[in-house]
Amino acid sequence: MQSPARPVAPLGRASGERTRIDPTPCLAHTEGYFEAQYAIDPDPWGFGMPGTNAAVRMTMAALPRPRYRRALEPGCANGALTELLAPRCDAIEAFDRVPAAGAGHSSCRASGR
């Protein structure tokens, strides 16, 4: 039986001891994590905030071609990027595993997985 993981120590410890990597899985991989985020806030990633909107626009500006035949956006959240990407694509498939994520956004569908 393994002993429980201790908290990760900050880098640059005075004792010179090597930092251990915490083997605890990322919270985002736990069942119900994303559903809980949307239950707390309909925009948990802040896509409606000005800074995030700028990041979405920068993502669009980084695309090398003006037009695409097809696009796939898994984890489309509230559809902010999908709405900007759609006019540049002949076809786009956008989905999110959390039904509440795409609620009210026709550009994003819930996959329920």
N, C-alpha and C. Protein backbone atom coordinates (compact mmCIF):
# COMPACT_ATOMS: atom_id res chain seq x y z
N MET A 1 0.85 -1.18 0.00
CA MET A 1 0.00 0.00 0.00
C MET A 1 0.89 1.24 0.00
N GLN A 2 0.56 2.19 -0.88
CA GLN A 2 1.36 3.40 -0.98
C GLN A 2 0.96 4.38 0.12
N SER A 3 1.94 5.15 0.55
CA SER A 3 1.64 6.19 1.53
C SER A 3 1.02 7.37 0.80
N PRO A 4 0.18 8.15 1.49
CA PRO A 4 -0.45 9.29 0.84
C PRO A 4 0.61 10.29 0.38
N ALA A 5 0.34 10.93 -0.73
CA ALA A 5 1.28 11.92 -1.26
C ALA A 5 1.31 13.14 -0.37
N ARG A 6 2.50 13.62 -0.14
CA ARG A 6 2.63 14.85 0.65
C ARG A 6 2.48 16.04 -0.29
N PRO A 7 2.17 17.21 0.22
CA PRO A 7 2.03 18.39 -0.64
C PRO A 7 3.33 18.66 -1.41
N VAL A 8 3.17 19.21 -2.59
CA VAL A 8 4.33 19.54 -3.41
C VAL A 8 5.06 20.70 -2.77
N ALA A 9 6.37 20.55 -2.64
CA ALA A 9 7.18 21.61 -2.04
C ALA A 9 7.50 22.67 -3.08
N PRO A 10 7.65 23.92 -2.66
CA PRO A 10 8.01 24.96 -3.61
C PRO A 10 9.41 24.73 -4.16
N LEU A 11 9.64 25.22 -5.37
CA LEU A 11 10.96 25.08 -5.96
C LEU A 11 11.98 25.92 -5.19
N GLY A 12 13.23 25.53 -5.27
CA GLY A 12 14.29 26.29 -4.63
C GLY A 12 14.32 26.15 -3.12
N ARG A 13 14.09 24.97 -2.61
CA ARG A 13 14.11 24.76 -1.17
C ARG A 13 15.51 25.02 -0.63
N ALA A 14 15.58 25.56 0.54
CA ALA A 14 16.87 25.88 1.16
C ALA A 14 17.69 24.63 1.43
N SER A 15 17.04 23.52 1.75
CA SER A 15 17.77 22.30 2.09
C SER A 15 18.36 21.62 0.86
N GLY A 16 17.94 22.02 -0.33
CA GLY A 16 18.44 21.41 -1.55
C GLY A 16 17.75 20.10 -1.89
N GLU A 17 16.76 19.68 -1.09
CA GLU A 17 16.03 18.45 -1.36
C GLU A 17 15.25 18.59 -2.66
N ARG A 18 15.22 17.53 -3.43
CA ARG A 18 14.49 17.56 -4.69
C ARG A 18 12.99 17.65 -4.44
N THR A 19 12.31 18.37 -5.29
CA THR A 19 10.86 18.52 -5.18
C THR A 19 10.18 17.28 -5.73
N ARG A 20 9.21 16.77 -5.00
CA ARG A 20 8.42 15.63 -5.46
C ARG A 20 7.28 16.12 -6.32
N ILE A 21 6.91 15.32 -7.27
CA ILE A 21 5.73 15.62 -8.09
C ILE A 21 4.54 14.98 -7.42
N ASP A 22 3.50 15.74 -7.21
CA ASP A 22 2.29 15.24 -6.58
C ASP A 22 1.55 14.35 -7.56
N PRO A 23 1.36 13.07 -7.25
CA PRO A 23 0.68 12.16 -8.18
C PRO A 23 -0.84 12.28 -8.16
N THR A 24 -1.39 13.18 -7.35
CA THR A 24 -2.83 13.35 -7.29
C THR A 24 -3.35 13.79 -8.65
N PRO A 25 -4.40 13.16 -9.17
CA PRO A 25 -4.90 13.55 -10.49
C PRO A 25 -5.46 14.96 -10.49
N CYS A 26 -5.41 15.57 -11.63
CA CYS A 26 -5.97 16.90 -11.82
C CYS A 26 -7.47 16.87 -11.49
N LEU A 27 -7.96 17.89 -10.81
CA LEU A 27 -9.38 17.94 -10.45
C LEU A 27 -10.28 17.89 -11.68
N ALA A 28 -9.82 18.43 -12.80
CA ALA A 28 -10.63 18.45 -14.00
C ALA A 28 -10.95 17.05 -14.51
N HIS A 29 -10.20 16.05 -14.07
CA HIS A 29 -10.44 14.69 -14.51
C HIS A 29 -11.39 13.93 -13.57
N THR A 30 -11.85 14.56 -12.53
CA THR A 30 -12.75 13.89 -11.60
C THR A 30 -14.19 14.01 -12.11
N GLU A 31 -14.97 12.99 -11.83
CA GLU A 31 -16.37 12.94 -12.26
C GLU A 31 -17.14 14.14 -11.70
N GLY A 32 -17.84 14.84 -12.55
CA GLY A 32 -18.69 15.94 -12.13
C GLY A 32 -18.00 17.29 -12.00
N TYR A 33 -16.70 17.36 -12.26
CA TYR A 33 -15.97 18.63 -12.08
C TYR A 33 -16.54 19.73 -12.97
N PHE A 34 -16.66 19.46 -14.27
CA PHE A 34 -17.13 20.50 -15.18
C PHE A 34 -18.59 20.85 -14.93
N GLU A 35 -19.40 19.86 -14.61
CA GLU A 35 -20.80 20.12 -14.29
C GLU A 35 -20.90 21.06 -13.09
N ALA A 36 -20.05 20.84 -12.10
CA ALA A 36 -20.05 21.70 -10.91
C ALA A 36 -19.64 23.13 -11.25
N GLN A 37 -18.69 23.28 -12.17
CA GLN A 37 -18.26 24.63 -12.56
C GLN A 37 -19.41 25.41 -13.18
N TYR A 38 -20.18 24.76 -14.04
CA TYR A 38 -21.31 25.43 -14.68
C TYR A 38 -22.49 25.63 -13.73
N ALA A 39 -22.59 24.80 -12.70
CA ALA A 39 -23.65 24.99 -11.70
C ALA A 39 -23.38 26.24 -10.87
N ILE A 40 -22.11 26.55 -10.66
CA ILE A 40 -21.72 27.73 -9.88
C ILE A 40 -21.85 29.01 -10.70
N ASP A 41 -21.44 28.94 -11.98
CA ASP A 41 -21.40 30.13 -12.83
C ASP A 41 -21.66 29.71 -14.27
N PRO A 42 -22.61 30.33 -14.97
CA PRO A 42 -22.86 29.94 -16.36
C PRO A 42 -21.70 30.27 -17.31
N ASP A 43 -20.76 31.08 -16.86
CA ASP A 43 -19.56 31.40 -17.65
C ASP A 43 -18.33 31.19 -16.77
N PRO A 44 -18.06 29.92 -16.37
CA PRO A 44 -16.98 29.69 -15.40
C PRO A 44 -15.59 30.02 -15.92
N TRP A 45 -15.38 30.07 -17.21
CA TRP A 45 -14.05 30.35 -17.76
C TRP A 45 -13.89 31.82 -18.09
N GLY A 46 -14.94 32.60 -17.87
CA GLY A 46 -14.85 34.05 -18.05
C GLY A 46 -14.77 34.49 -19.50
N PHE A 47 -15.40 33.75 -20.42
CA PHE A 47 -15.35 34.13 -21.82
C PHE A 47 -16.04 35.46 -22.08
N GLY A 48 -16.94 35.86 -21.20
CA GLY A 48 -17.61 37.14 -21.36
C GLY A 48 -16.79 38.31 -20.86
N MET A 49 -15.67 38.04 -20.23
CA MET A 49 -14.81 39.11 -19.70
C MET A 49 -13.95 39.67 -20.83
N PRO A 50 -13.65 40.95 -20.81
CA PRO A 50 -12.89 41.58 -21.90
C PRO A 50 -11.54 40.92 -22.18
N GLY A 51 -10.78 40.56 -21.20
CA GLY A 51 -9.46 39.96 -21.42
C GLY A 51 -9.54 38.62 -22.12
N THR A 52 -10.52 37.82 -21.74
CA THR A 52 -10.67 36.50 -22.35
C THR A 52 -11.16 36.64 -23.78
N ASN A 53 -12.07 37.58 -24.00
CA ASN A 53 -12.55 37.81 -25.35
C ASN A 53 -11.38 38.19 -26.26
N ALA A 54 -10.44 38.96 -25.74
CA ALA A 54 -9.24 39.32 -26.52
C ALA A 54 -8.43 38.07 -26.83
N ALA A 55 -8.34 37.14 -25.90
CA ALA A 55 -7.60 35.91 -26.13
C ALA A 55 -8.27 35.07 -27.23
N VAL A 56 -9.59 35.05 -27.25
CA VAL A 56 -10.31 34.32 -28.30
C VAL A 56 -10.02 34.97 -29.65
N ARG A 57 -10.03 36.29 -29.69
CA ARG A 57 -9.75 37.00 -30.95
C ARG A 57 -8.30 36.78 -31.39
N MET A 58 -7.38 36.70 -30.45
CA MET A 58 -5.99 36.41 -30.79
C MET A 58 -5.86 35.01 -31.36
N THR A 59 -6.63 34.07 -30.83
CA THR A 59 -6.64 32.71 -31.37
C THR A 59 -7.09 32.75 -32.82
N MET A 60 -8.13 33.51 -33.10
CA MET A 60 -8.62 33.63 -34.47
C MET A 60 -7.56 34.27 -35.37
N ALA A 61 -6.88 35.28 -34.89
CA ALA A 61 -5.86 35.97 -35.68
C ALA A 61 -4.67 35.05 -35.98
N ALA A 62 -4.46 34.04 -35.14
CA ALA A 62 -3.33 33.13 -35.33
C ALA A 62 -3.60 32.06 -36.39
N LEU A 63 -4.84 31.93 -36.82
CA LEU A 63 -5.15 30.93 -37.85
C LEU A 63 -4.52 31.36 -39.17
N PRO A 64 -3.76 30.47 -39.81
CA PRO A 64 -3.00 30.87 -40.99
C PRO A 64 -3.81 31.11 -42.26
N ARG A 65 -4.99 30.49 -42.36
CA ARG A 65 -5.77 30.63 -43.60
C ARG A 65 -7.05 31.43 -43.33
N PRO A 66 -7.54 32.13 -44.34
CA PRO A 66 -8.77 32.90 -44.15
C PRO A 66 -10.02 32.04 -44.16
N ARG A 67 -9.95 30.83 -44.74
CA ARG A 67 -11.12 29.99 -44.87
C ARG A 67 -10.75 28.52 -44.68
N TYR A 68 -11.69 27.74 -44.09
CA TYR A 68 -11.48 26.32 -43.83
C TYR A 68 -12.70 25.54 -44.30
N ARG A 69 -12.46 24.33 -44.81
CA ARG A 69 -13.57 23.47 -45.22
C ARG A 69 -14.32 22.95 -44.00
N ARG A 70 -13.57 22.48 -43.00
CA ARG A 70 -14.19 21.91 -41.80
C ARG A 70 -13.40 22.32 -40.57
N ALA A 71 -14.10 22.41 -39.45
CA ALA A 71 -13.46 22.69 -38.16
C ALA A 71 -14.13 21.84 -37.09
N LEU A 72 -13.36 21.50 -36.09
CA LEU A 72 -13.84 20.74 -34.94
C LEU A 72 -13.43 21.48 -33.68
N GLU A 73 -14.40 21.76 -32.83
CA GLU A 73 -14.09 22.41 -31.55
C GLU A 73 -14.68 21.59 -30.40
N PRO A 74 -13.93 20.61 -29.90
CA PRO A 74 -14.40 19.89 -28.72
C PRO A 74 -14.23 20.78 -27.49
N GLY A 75 -15.17 20.69 -26.57
CA GLY A 75 -15.10 21.52 -25.36
C GLY A 75 -15.37 22.98 -25.69
N CYS A 76 -16.42 23.23 -26.46
CA CYS A 76 -16.70 24.59 -26.94
C CYS A 76 -17.22 25.55 -25.87
N ALA A 77 -17.45 25.03 -24.66
CA ALA A 77 -17.93 25.88 -23.55
C ALA A 77 -19.16 26.65 -23.98
N ASN A 78 -19.11 27.98 -23.92
CA ASN A 78 -20.30 28.76 -24.24
C ASN A 78 -20.37 29.16 -25.71
N GLY A 79 -19.46 28.67 -26.53
CA GLY A 79 -19.51 28.94 -27.97
C GLY A 79 -18.87 30.23 -28.42
N ALA A 80 -18.11 30.90 -27.55
CA ALA A 80 -17.49 32.18 -27.91
C ALA A 80 -16.55 32.04 -29.11
N LEU A 81 -15.68 31.05 -29.08
CA LEU A 81 -14.77 30.83 -30.20
C LEU A 81 -15.53 30.29 -31.41
N THR A 82 -16.50 29.43 -31.17
CA THR A 82 -17.28 28.84 -32.26
C THR A 82 -17.97 29.92 -33.08
N GLU A 83 -18.53 30.92 -32.41
CA GLU A 83 -19.24 31.99 -33.11
C GLU A 83 -18.31 32.78 -34.03
N LEU A 84 -17.07 32.95 -33.62
CA LEU A 84 -16.12 33.67 -34.46
C LEU A 84 -15.55 32.79 -35.57
N LEU A 85 -15.42 31.50 -35.28
CA LEU A 85 -14.85 30.56 -36.24
C LEU A 85 -15.85 30.19 -37.35
N ALA A 86 -17.12 30.10 -37.03
CA ALA A 86 -18.14 29.63 -37.97
C ALA A 86 -18.17 30.38 -39.31
N PRO A 87 -18.09 31.70 -39.34
CA PRO A 87 -18.12 32.38 -40.64
C PRO A 87 -16.92 32.06 -41.55
N ARG A 88 -15.85 31.53 -40.97
CA ARG A 88 -14.65 31.20 -41.75
C ARG A 88 -14.62 29.72 -42.17
N CYS A 89 -15.69 28.99 -41.86
CA CYS A 89 -15.71 27.55 -42.15
C CYS A 89 -16.94 27.17 -42.96
N ASP A 90 -16.75 26.21 -43.87
CA ASP A 90 -17.88 25.68 -44.61
C ASP A 90 -18.75 24.83 -43.68
N ALA A 91 -18.10 24.12 -42.76
CA ALA A 91 -18.81 23.29 -41.78
C ALA A 91 -18.02 23.31 -40.48
N ILE A 92 -18.75 23.32 -39.37
CA ILE A 92 -18.10 23.31 -38.06
C ILE A 92 -18.87 22.38 -37.13
N GLU A 93 -18.15 21.59 -36.39
CA GLU A 93 -18.74 20.70 -35.38
C GLU A 93 -18.18 21.17 -34.03
N ALA A 94 -19.06 21.64 -33.17
CA ALA A 94 -18.65 22.11 -31.85
C ALA A 94 -19.51 21.42 -30.81
N PHE A 95 -18.87 20.91 -29.78
CA PHE A 95 -19.62 20.20 -28.74
C PHE A 95 -18.92 20.33 -27.40
N ASP A 96 -19.69 20.08 -26.36
CA ASP A 96 -19.17 20.09 -24.99
C ASP A 96 -19.83 18.96 -24.24
N ARG A 97 -19.10 18.32 -23.35
CA ARG A 97 -19.65 17.19 -22.62
C ARG A 97 -20.65 17.62 -21.55
N VAL A 98 -20.67 18.89 -21.20
CA VAL A 98 -21.58 19.40 -20.17
C VAL A 98 -22.76 20.09 -20.86
N PRO A 99 -23.97 19.55 -20.69
CA PRO A 99 -25.13 20.16 -21.34
C PRO A 99 -25.31 21.64 -21.02
N ALA A 100 -25.03 22.05 -19.80
CA ALA A 100 -25.20 23.45 -19.42
C ALA A 100 -24.22 24.37 -20.13
N ALA A 101 -23.11 23.84 -20.60
CA ALA A 101 -22.10 24.67 -21.27
C ALA A 101 -22.65 25.30 -22.54
N GLY A 102 -23.33 24.52 -23.36
CA GLY A 102 -23.85 25.04 -24.62
C GLY A 102 -25.27 25.54 -24.54
N ALA A 103 -25.85 25.58 -23.35
CA ALA A 103 -27.24 26.01 -23.22
C ALA A 103 -27.43 27.42 -23.78
N GLY A 104 -28.37 27.56 -24.68
CA GLY A 104 -28.66 28.86 -25.25
C GLY A 104 -27.73 29.24 -26.39
N HIS A 105 -26.83 28.37 -26.78
CA HIS A 105 -25.90 28.67 -27.88
C HIS A 105 -26.10 27.62 -28.97
N SER A 106 -26.71 28.04 -30.07
CA SER A 106 -27.01 27.11 -31.15
C SER A 106 -25.74 26.59 -31.82
N SER A 107 -24.62 27.28 -31.64
CA SER A 107 -23.38 26.87 -32.30
C SER A 107 -22.69 25.72 -31.58
N CYS A 108 -23.10 25.43 -30.37
CA CYS A 108 -22.45 24.38 -29.58
C CYS A 108 -23.49 23.41 -29.06
N ARG A 109 -23.25 22.12 -29.25
CA ARG A 109 -24.20 21.13 -28.75
C ARG A 109 -23.56 20.33 -27.63
N ALA A 110 -24.38 19.80 -26.77
CA ALA A 110 -23.89 18.97 -25.66
C ALA A 110 -23.75 17.53 -26.12
N SER A 111 -22.65 16.91 -25.79
CA SER A 111 -22.45 15.52 -26.18
C SER A 111 -22.95 14.56 -25.12
N GLY A 112 -23.09 15.03 -23.87
CA GLY A 112 -23.58 14.19 -22.81
C GLY A 112 -22.63 13.10 -22.38
N ARG A 113 -21.36 13.23 -22.73
CA ARG A 113 -20.38 12.21 -22.34
C ARG A 113 -19.41 12.78 -21.35
